[in-house]
C-alpha atoms as a PDB file:
ATOM      1  CA  MET A   1       7.494  25.967  52.553  1.00  0.00           C
ATOM      2  CA  ASN A   2       3.772  26.497  53.001  1.00  0.00           C
ATOM      3  CA  ARG A   3       2.478  23.126  53.540  1.00  0.00           C
ATOM      4  CA  HIS A   4      -0.592  24.206  51.297  1.00  0.00           C
ATOM      5  CA  ALA A   5       1.908  25.052  48.364  1.00  0.00           C
ATOM      6  CA  ARG A   6       3.619  21.540  48.914  1.00  0.00           C
ATOM      7  CA  TYR A   7       0.359  19.603  48.726  1.00  0.00           C
ATOM      8  CA  ALA A   8      -0.392  21.591  45.390  1.00  0.00           C
ATOM      9  CA  LEU A   9       2.827  20.640  44.142  1.00  0.00           C
ATOM     10  CA  LEU A  10       2.376  16.884  44.944  1.00  0.00           C
ATOM     11  CA  THR A  11      -1.002  16.870  43.363  1.00  0.00           C
ATOM     12  CA  PRO A  12      -0.241  16.665  39.682  1.00  0.00           C
ATOM     13  CA  LEU A  13       2.540  14.128  40.330  1.00  0.00           C
ATOM     14  CA  LEU A  14      -0.295  11.960  42.157  1.00  0.00           C
ATOM     15  CA  VAL A  15      -2.840  12.398  39.043  1.00  0.00           C
ATOM     16  CA  SER A  16       0.057  11.495  36.465  1.00  0.00           C
ATOM     17  CA  ALA A  17       0.811   8.378  38.776  1.00  0.00           C
ATOM     18  CA  VAL A  18      -2.850   7.154  38.788  1.00  0.00           C
ATOM     19  CA  ALA A  19      -3.222   7.925  34.957  1.00  0.00           C
ATOM     20  CA  MET A  20       0.072   5.837  34.071  1.00  0.00           C
ATOM     21  CA  PRO A  21      -1.287   2.404  34.415  1.00  0.00           C
ATOM     22  CA  SER A  22      -4.273   3.089  32.087  1.00  0.00           C
ATOM     23  CA  THR A  23      -2.099   4.532  29.565  1.00  0.00           C
ATOM     24  CA  LEU A  24       0.314   1.616  29.783  1.00  0.00           C
ATOM     25  CA  ALA A  25      -2.589  -0.894  29.403  1.00  0.00           C
ATOM     26  CA  ARG A  26      -3.786   0.533  26.239  1.00  0.00           C
ATOM     27  CA  ALA A  27      -0.297   0.602  24.732  1.00  0.00           C
ATOM     28  CA  ALA A  28       0.232  -3.028  25.973  1.00  0.00           C
ATOM     29  CA  ALA A  29      -3.237  -3.898  24.253  1.00  0.00           C
ATOM     30  CA  THR A  30      -2.170  -2.096  21.073  1.00  0.00           C
ATOM     31  CA  SER A  31       1.065  -4.159  20.786  1.00  0.00           C
ATOM     32  CA  SER A  32      -0.635  -7.493  21.676  1.00  0.00           C
ATOM     33  CA  ALA A  33      -3.368  -7.120  18.969  1.00  0.00           C
ATOM     34  CA  PRO A  34      -3.041  -9.997  16.275  1.00  0.00           C
ATOM     35  CA  ALA A  35      -1.357  -8.808  13.018  1.00  0.00           C
ATOM     36  CA  ALA A  36      -3.811  -8.752   9.918  1.00  0.00           C
ATOM     37  CA  VAL A  37      -3.980 -12.070   8.432  1.00  0.00           C
ATOM     38  CA  PRO A  38      -3.573 -11.772   4.615  1.00  0.00           C
ATOM     39  CA  GLN A  39      -6.578 -12.636   2.447  1.00  0.00           C
ATOM     40  CA  ALA A  40      -6.579 -15.996   1.228  1.00  0.00           C
ATOM     41  CA  THR A  41      -6.967 -16.104  -2.618  1.00  0.00           C
ATOM     42  CA  CYS A  42      -6.930 -18.945  -5.223  1.00  0.00           C
ATOM     43  CA  ALA A  43      -6.576 -18.225  -9.081  1.00  0.00           C
ATOM     44  CA  LEU A  44      -6.182 -20.007 -12.047  1.00  0.00           C
ATOM     45  CA  VAL A  45      -3.779 -18.187 -14.364  1.00  0.00           C
ATOM     46  CA  ALA A  46      -2.471 -18.374 -17.862  1.00  0.00           C
ATOM     47  CA  ALA A  47       0.920 -19.742 -17.957  1.00  0.00           C
ATOM     48  CA  PRO A  48       3.275 -17.553 -19.877  1.00  0.00           C
ATOM     49  CA  ASN A  49       5.025 -18.543 -23.296  1.00  0.00           C
ATOM     50  CA  THR A  50       2.898 -21.875 -23.703  1.00  0.00           C
ATOM     51  CA  ASP A  51       1.300 -22.914 -26.955  1.00  0.00           C
ATOM     52  CA  PRO A  52      -1.233 -24.338 -26.740  1.00  0.00           C
ATOM     53  CA  GLN A  53      -2.148 -22.357 -23.819  1.00  0.00           C
ATOM     54  CA  GLU A  54      -1.421 -23.917 -20.311  1.00  0.00           C
ATOM     55  CA  PHE A  55      -2.940 -22.964 -16.972  1.00  0.00           C
ATOM     56  CA  ASP A  56      -1.496 -22.827 -13.437  1.00  0.00           C
ATOM     57  CA  LEU A  57      -3.496 -22.881 -10.322  1.00  0.00           C
ATOM     58  CA  THR A  58      -2.024 -20.532  -7.550  1.00  0.00           C
ATOM     59  CA  LEU A  59      -2.669 -20.178  -3.911  1.00  0.00           C
ATOM     60  CA  THR A  60      -1.544 -17.084  -1.780  1.00  0.00           C
ATOM     61  CA  GLY A  61      -2.598 -15.526   1.522  1.00  0.00           C
ATOM     62  CA  PHE A  62      -3.012 -18.953   3.352  1.00  0.00           C
ATOM     63  CA  ARG A  63      -1.476 -20.070   6.624  1.00  0.00           C
ATOM     64  CA  ALA A  64       1.981 -21.740   6.385  1.00  0.00           C
ATOM     65  CA  ASN A  65       2.359 -25.261   5.561  1.00  0.00           C
ATOM     66  CA  GLN A  66      -1.572 -25.415   5.378  1.00  0.00           C
ATOM     67  CA  SER A  67      -3.234 -28.406   3.390  1.00  0.00           C
ATOM     68  CA  VAL A  68      -5.822 -27.097   0.858  1.00  0.00           C
ATOM     69  CA  ARG A  69      -7.988 -29.458  -1.014  1.00  0.00           C
ATOM     70  CA  ILE A  70      -8.726 -28.329  -4.744  1.00  0.00           C
ATOM     71  CA  SER A  71     -11.774 -29.484  -6.666  1.00  0.00           C
ATOM     72  CA  GLY A  72     -12.969 -28.958 -10.036  1.00  0.00           C
ATOM     73  CA  PRO A  73     -12.039 -30.288 -13.463  1.00  0.00           C
ATOM     74  CA  GLU A  74      -9.088 -31.866 -11.342  1.00  0.00           C
ATOM     75  CA  LYS A  75      -9.113 -32.833  -7.838  1.00  0.00           C
ATOM     76  CA  PHE A  76      -5.829 -32.843  -5.862  1.00  0.00           C
ATOM     77  CA  THR A  77      -4.441 -31.468  -2.654  1.00  0.00           C
ATOM     78  CA  LEU A  78      -1.840 -28.550  -2.296  1.00  0.00           C
ATOM     79  CA  THR A  79       0.316 -27.957   0.888  1.00  0.00           C
ATOM     80  CA  THR A  80       1.230 -24.203   1.235  1.00  0.00           C
ATOM     81  CA  ASP A  81       5.067 -23.225   1.897  1.00  0.00           C
ATOM     82  CA  GLY A  82       6.210 -20.935   4.585  1.00  0.00           C
ATOM     83  CA  GLN A  83       4.741 -18.027   3.036  1.00  0.00           C
ATOM     84  CA  GLY A  84       1.229 -19.533   2.708  1.00  0.00           C
ATOM     85  CA  ALA A  85       1.757 -20.028  -1.132  1.00  0.00           C
ATOM     86  CA  ALA A  86       1.512 -23.064  -3.578  1.00  0.00           C
ATOM     87  CA  THR A  87       1.178 -23.767  -7.177  1.00  0.00           C
ATOM     88  CA  ASN A  88       0.129 -26.867  -9.397  1.00  0.00           C
ATOM     89  CA  GLU A  89       1.087 -26.239 -12.933  1.00  0.00           C
ATOM     90  CA  ASP A  90      -0.720 -27.277 -16.226  1.00  0.00           C
ATOM     91  CA  VAL A  91      -4.183 -27.826 -14.746  1.00  0.00           C
ATOM     92  CA  LYS A  92      -7.104 -28.216 -16.900  1.00  0.00           C
ATOM     93  CA  LYS A  93      -9.167 -24.958 -17.400  1.00  0.00           C
ATOM     94  CA  GLY A  94     -12.273 -24.533 -15.657  1.00  0.00           C
ATOM     95  CA  THR A  95     -14.009 -23.551 -12.456  1.00  0.00           C
ATOM     96  CA  TYR A  96     -12.040 -24.476  -9.152  1.00  0.00           C
ATOM     97  CA  ASN A  97     -12.700 -24.388  -5.411  1.00  0.00           C
ATOM     98  CA  ALA A  98     -10.190 -24.389  -2.600  1.00  0.00           C
ATOM     99  CA  THR A  99     -11.363 -25.808   0.779  1.00  0.00           C
ATOM    100  CA  VAL A 100      -9.628 -25.578   4.006  1.00  0.00           C
ATOM    101  CA  GLN A 101     -10.298 -26.615   7.581  1.00  0.00           C
ATOM    102  CA  GLY A 102     -10.774 -23.560   9.688  1.00  0.00           C
ATOM    103  CA  ASN A 103     -10.043 -23.230  13.600  1.00  0.00           C
ATOM    104  CA  ASN A 104     -13.376 -24.046  15.231  1.00  0.00           C
ATOM    105  CA  GLN A 105     -15.208 -22.781  12.167  1.00  0.00           C
ATOM    106  CA  GLY A 106     -15.544 -25.605  10.061  1.00  0.00           C
ATOM    107  CA  LYS A 107     -14.783 -26.107   6.403  1.00  0.00           C
ATOM    108  CA  LYS A 108     -14.188 -22.786   4.412  1.00  0.00           C
ATOM    109  CA  THR A 109     -14.425 -22.838   0.758  1.00  0.00           C
ATOM    110  CA  ILE A 110     -13.289 -20.207  -1.659  1.00  0.00           C
ATOM    111  CA  THR A 111     -13.857 -20.009  -5.617  1.00  0.00           C
ATOM    112  CA  CYS A 112     -10.768 -19.652  -7.535  1.00  0.00           C
ATOM    113  CA  THR A 113     -10.816 -16.660 -10.028  1.00  0.00           C
ATOM    114  CA  LYS A 114     -10.213 -17.215 -13.816  1.00  0.00           C
ATOM    115  CA  PRO A 115      -7.932 -15.558 -16.092  1.00  0.00           C
ATOM    116  CA  ALA A 116      -9.428 -12.511 -17.793  1.00  0.00           C
ATOM    117  CA  ARG A 117      -9.834 -13.353 -21.720  1.00  0.00           C
ATOM    118  CA  THR A 118      -7.180 -12.139 -23.648  1.00  0.00           C
ATOM    119  CA  ALA A 119      -7.891  -8.938 -25.831  1.00  0.00           C
ATOM    120  CA  SER A 120      -8.286  -9.703 -29.459  1.00  0.00           C
ATOM    121  CA  THR A 121      -9.512  -8.441 -32.537  1.00  0.00           C
ATOM    122  CA  THR A 122     -12.665 -10.322 -34.193  1.00  0.00           C
ATOM    123  CA  VAL A 123     -11.841 -13.407 -36.248  1.00  0.00           C
ATOM    124  CA  ARG A 124     -13.464 -13.831 -39.751  1.00  0.00           C
ATOM    125  CA  VAL A 125     -12.939 -17.217 -41.129  1.00  0.00           C
ATOM    126  CA  THR A 126     -12.959 -17.214 -44.955  1.00  0.00           C
ATOM    127  CA  ASP A 127     -11.770 -20.743 -45.762  1.00  0.00           C
ATOM    128  CA  VAL A 128     -11.274 -24.005 -44.435  1.00  0.00           C
ATOM    129  CA  ASP A 129      -9.101 -26.860 -45.859  1.00  0.00           C
ATOM    130  CA  VAL A 130      -8.927 -30.485 -44.714  1.00  0.00           C
ATOM    131  CA  SER A 131      -6.257 -32.923 -45.973  1.00  0.00           C
ATOM    132  CA  GLY A 132      -5.700 -36.769 -45.334  1.00  0.00           C
ATOM    133  CA  PRO A 133      -2.346 -38.400 -44.556  1.00  0.00           C
ATOM    134  CA  ALA A 134       0.418 -37.190 -46.867  1.00  0.00           C
ATOM    135  CA  THR A 135       1.061 -41.075 -47.607  1.00  0.00           C
ATOM    136  CA  ASN A 136      -1.399 -43.860 -48.127  1.00  0.00           C
ATOM    137  CA  PRO A 137       0.601 -47.027 -47.581  1.00  0.00           C
ATOM    138  CA  GLU A 138      -0.940 -50.429 -47.819  1.00  0.00           C
ATOM    139  CA  VAL A 139      -2.549 -51.551 -44.459  1.00  0.00           C
ATOM    140  CA  ASP A 140      -4.221 -54.710 -42.957  1.00  0.00           C
ATOM    141  CA  CYS A 141      -7.803 -53.741 -43.666  1.00  0.00           C
ATOM    142  CA  SER A 142      -9.250 -56.353 -41.665  1.00  0.00           C
ATOM    143  CA  VAL A 143      -8.278 -54.486 -38.555  1.00  0.00           C
ATOM    144  CA  ALA A 144      -9.217 -51.092 -37.674  1.00  0.00           C
ATOM    145  CA  GLN A 145      -6.667 -48.474 -38.697  1.00  0.00           C
ATOM    146  CA  ASN A 146      -6.179 -44.988 -37.228  1.00  0.00           C
ATOM    147  CA  ILE A 147      -6.143 -42.265 -39.823  1.00  0.00           C
ATOM    148  CA  THR A 148      -5.106 -38.642 -38.972  1.00  0.00           C
ATOM    149  CA  PHE A 149      -6.394 -35.670 -40.795  1.00  0.00           C
ATOM    150  CA  THR A 150      -5.140 -32.146 -40.774  1.00  0.00           C
ATOM    151  CA  GLY A 151      -6.721 -28.626 -41.536  1.00  0.00           C
ATOM    152  CA  LYS A 152      -6.015 -25.130 -42.076  1.00  0.00           C
ATOM    153  CA  ILE A 153      -8.107 -22.077 -41.422  1.00  0.00           C
ATOM    154  CA  SER A 154      -7.526 -18.764 -43.388  1.00  0.00           C
ATOM    155  CA  GLY A 155      -9.150 -15.542 -42.144  1.00  0.00           C
ATOM    156  CA  THR A 156      -8.573 -12.199 -40.800  1.00  0.00           C
ATOM    157  CA  GLY A 157      -8.222 -11.027 -37.259  1.00  0.00           C
ATOM    158  CA  THR A 158      -6.446 -12.472 -34.042  1.00  0.00           C
ATOM    159  CA  GLY A 159      -7.898 -14.304 -31.118  1.00  0.00           C
ATOM    160  CA  ASP A 160      -9.443 -17.884 -29.907  1.00  0.00           C
ATOM    161  CA  LEU A 161     -11.202 -19.785 -32.425  1.00  0.00           C
ATOM    162  CA  ASP A 162     -13.671 -22.584 -31.582  1.00  0.00           C
ATOM    163  CA  LEU A 163     -13.359 -25.552 -34.139  1.00  0.00           C
ATOM    164  CA  SER A 164     -15.432 -28.615 -34.817  1.00  0.00           C
ATOM    165  CA  TRP A 165     -14.261 -31.705 -36.083  1.00  0.00           C
ATOM    166  CA  SER A 166     -16.583 -34.952 -36.975  1.00  0.00           C
ATOM    167  CA  GLY A 167     -15.447 -38.275 -38.418  1.00  0.00           C
ATOM    168  CA  SER A 168     -16.901 -41.153 -40.201  1.00  0.00           C
ATOM    169  CA  ASN A 169     -16.863 -43.288 -37.133  1.00  0.00           C
ATOM    170  CA  GLY A 170     -18.863 -41.022 -35.115  1.00  0.00           C
ATOM    171  CA  ARG A 171     -16.120 -39.283 -33.259  1.00  0.00           C
ATOM    172  CA  GLN A 172     -16.209 -35.461 -32.682  1.00  0.00           C
ATOM    173  CA  SER A 173     -13.899 -32.896 -30.956  1.00  0.00           C
ATOM    174  CA  SER A 174     -14.356 -29.364 -30.352  1.00  0.00           C
ATOM    175  CA  PRO A 175     -10.589 -27.893 -29.627  1.00  0.00           C
ATOM    176  CA  THR A 176      -9.943 -24.268 -29.735  1.00  0.00           C
ATOM    177  CA  VAL A 177      -6.973 -22.753 -31.371  1.00  0.00           C
ATOM    178  CA  LYS A 178      -5.110 -19.391 -31.055  1.00  0.00           C
ATOM    179  CA  PHE A 179      -5.815 -17.837 -34.712  1.00  0.00           C
ATOM    180  CA  THR A 180      -3.511 -15.498 -36.267  1.00  0.00           C
ATOM    181  CA  ALA A 181      -4.270 -14.154 -39.823  1.00  0.00           C
ATOM    182  CA  PRO A 182      -3.605 -14.917 -42.667  1.00  0.00           C
ATOM    183  CA  SER A 183      -3.807 -18.734 -41.700  1.00  0.00           C
ATOM    184  CA  THR A 184      -3.348 -21.009 -38.660  1.00  0.00           C
ATOM    185  CA  ALA A 185      -3.306 -24.945 -38.602  1.00  0.00           C
ATOM    186  CA  ALA A 186      -6.003 -26.980 -37.038  1.00  0.00           C
ATOM    187  CA  THR A 187      -5.452 -29.443 -34.148  1.00  0.00           C
ATOM    188  CA  PRO A 188      -5.084 -32.693 -35.906  1.00  0.00           C
ATOM    189  CA  PHE A 189      -7.863 -35.201 -35.851  1.00  0.00           C
ATOM    190  CA  THR A 190      -7.826 -38.996 -35.913  1.00  0.00           C
ATOM    191  CA  VAL A 191     -10.622 -41.301 -37.162  1.00  0.00           C
ATOM    192  CA  LYS A 192     -10.617 -45.044 -36.861  1.00  0.00           C
ATOM    193  CA  SER A 193     -11.465 -47.068 -39.870  1.00  0.00           C
ATOM    194  CA  THR A 194     -14.175 -49.952 -39.810  1.00  0.00           C
ATOM    195  CA  PRO A 195     -12.437 -53.515 -40.318  1.00  0.00           C
ATOM    196  CA  ARG A 196     -13.318 -54.889 -43.758  1.00  0.00           C
ATOM    197  CA  ALA A 197     -15.318 -58.230 -43.307  1.00  0.00           C
ATOM    198  CA  ALA A 198     -14.019 -60.027 -46.257  1.00  0.00           C
ATOM    199  CA  ALA A 199     -11.005 -59.474 -48.733  1.00  0.00           C
ATOM    200  CA  ALA A 200     -13.461 -59.247 -51.596  1.00  0.00           C
ATOM    201  CA  ALA A 201     -15.284 -56.409 -50.098  1.00  0.00           C
ATOM    202  CA  ASN A 202     -14.681 -52.747 -51.049  1.00  0.00           C
ATOM    203  CA  ALA A 203     -11.738 -51.088 -49.346  1.00  0.00           C
ATOM    204  CA  PRO A 204     -13.054 -49.054 -46.194  1.00  0.00           C
ATOM    205  CA  GLN A 205     -13.148 -45.472 -46.527  1.00  0.00           C
ATOM    206  CA  VAL A 206     -12.908 -42.719 -43.579  1.00  0.00           C
ATOM    207  CA  PHE A 207     -13.590 -39.109 -43.860  1.00  0.00           C
ATOM    208  CA  ALA A 208     -13.249 -36.130 -41.388  1.00  0.00           C
ATOM    209  CA  ARG A 209     -15.111 -32.896 -41.588  1.00  0.00           C
ATOM    210  CA  LEU A 210     -13.912 -29.560 -40.114  1.00  0.00           C
ATOM    211  CA  SER A 211     -15.951 -26.478 -39.205  1.00  0.00           C
ATOM    212  CA  ALA A 212     -14.754 -22.934 -38.289  1.00  0.00           C
ATOM    213  CA  GLY A 213     -17.100 -20.039 -38.400  1.00  0.00           C
ATOM    214  CA  LYS A 214     -19.280 -20.323 -41.221  1.00  0.00           C
ATOM    215  CA  ALA A 215     -16.861 -22.203 -43.285  1.00  0.00           C
ATOM    216  CA  ALA A 216     -16.245 -26.029 -43.630  1.00  0.00           C
ATOM    217  CA  ASP A 217     -14.466 -28.684 -45.551  1.00  0.00           C
ATOM    218  CA  GLU A 218     -14.162 -32.474 -45.575  1.00  0.00           C
ATOM    219  CA  ALA A 219     -11.734 -35.166 -47.051  1.00  0.00           C
ATOM    220  CA  VAL A 220     -12.301 -38.861 -47.635  1.00  0.00           C
ATOM    221  CA  VAL A 221      -9.440 -41.329 -47.437  1.00  0.00           C
ATOM    222  CA  SER A 222      -9.587 -44.821 -49.245  1.00  0.00           C
ATOM    223  CA  LEU A 223      -7.398 -47.525 -47.602  1.00  0.00           C
ATOM    224  CA  LYS A 224      -5.056 -49.502 -49.479  1.00  0.00           C
ATOM    225  CA  CYS A 225      -5.739 -53.083 -48.524  1.00  0.00           C
ATOM    226  CA  LYS A 226      -2.767 -55.659 -48.489  1.00  0.00           C
ATOM    227  CA  ALA A 227      -3.498 -58.704 -50.348  1.00  0.00           C
ATOM    228  CA  GLY A 228      -5.801 -61.098 -48.570  1.00  0.00           C
ATOM    229  CA  THR A 229      -6.998 -58.551 -45.914  1.00  0.00           C
END
């Protein structure tokens, strides 16, 4: 065989041999690249089939067994499971933040997303009715008594409805109810009576007022006092 021809045959092999380490290096670099880390998310979600509506706070995409501090209307700490997730059930509705201690990056805080408002039709209130207790037994009027009032809202439409209660003792409450036509019960409201200073004085009275939309109603209850109180 011609020597020149033999050298020509060897040349491609040498070039290939020189190129292989670089190719292997790129392959090794690719295989050793860290896997993408899931995006850590925190969310306040509406719990299904709860009335009144309850909310859960959920974590996903965090590191496994990671301690996460939650701040907001409630403060607590959650530890994620092996999949980097965690849930705390029945928390107050509001804005929450999740804080973790990053590696050499200090603290990292993310804001938890809120649930979208439930699609609803416009609620139009046509009437409000307030009632005192069904029975009015004799009580000791020399001490404060709790009197619970109930209410009913009538109207059209479906959706969240803000109510406003106020009582004779200055107490106020602003609950939200899921209204469904034609009528929905209001959240009960308790008013504390003023103790009677002397048995000869007039019996204490308590009242409660409920407003919803542009409608309102109130009820007054006169206590029945036991003798000598």
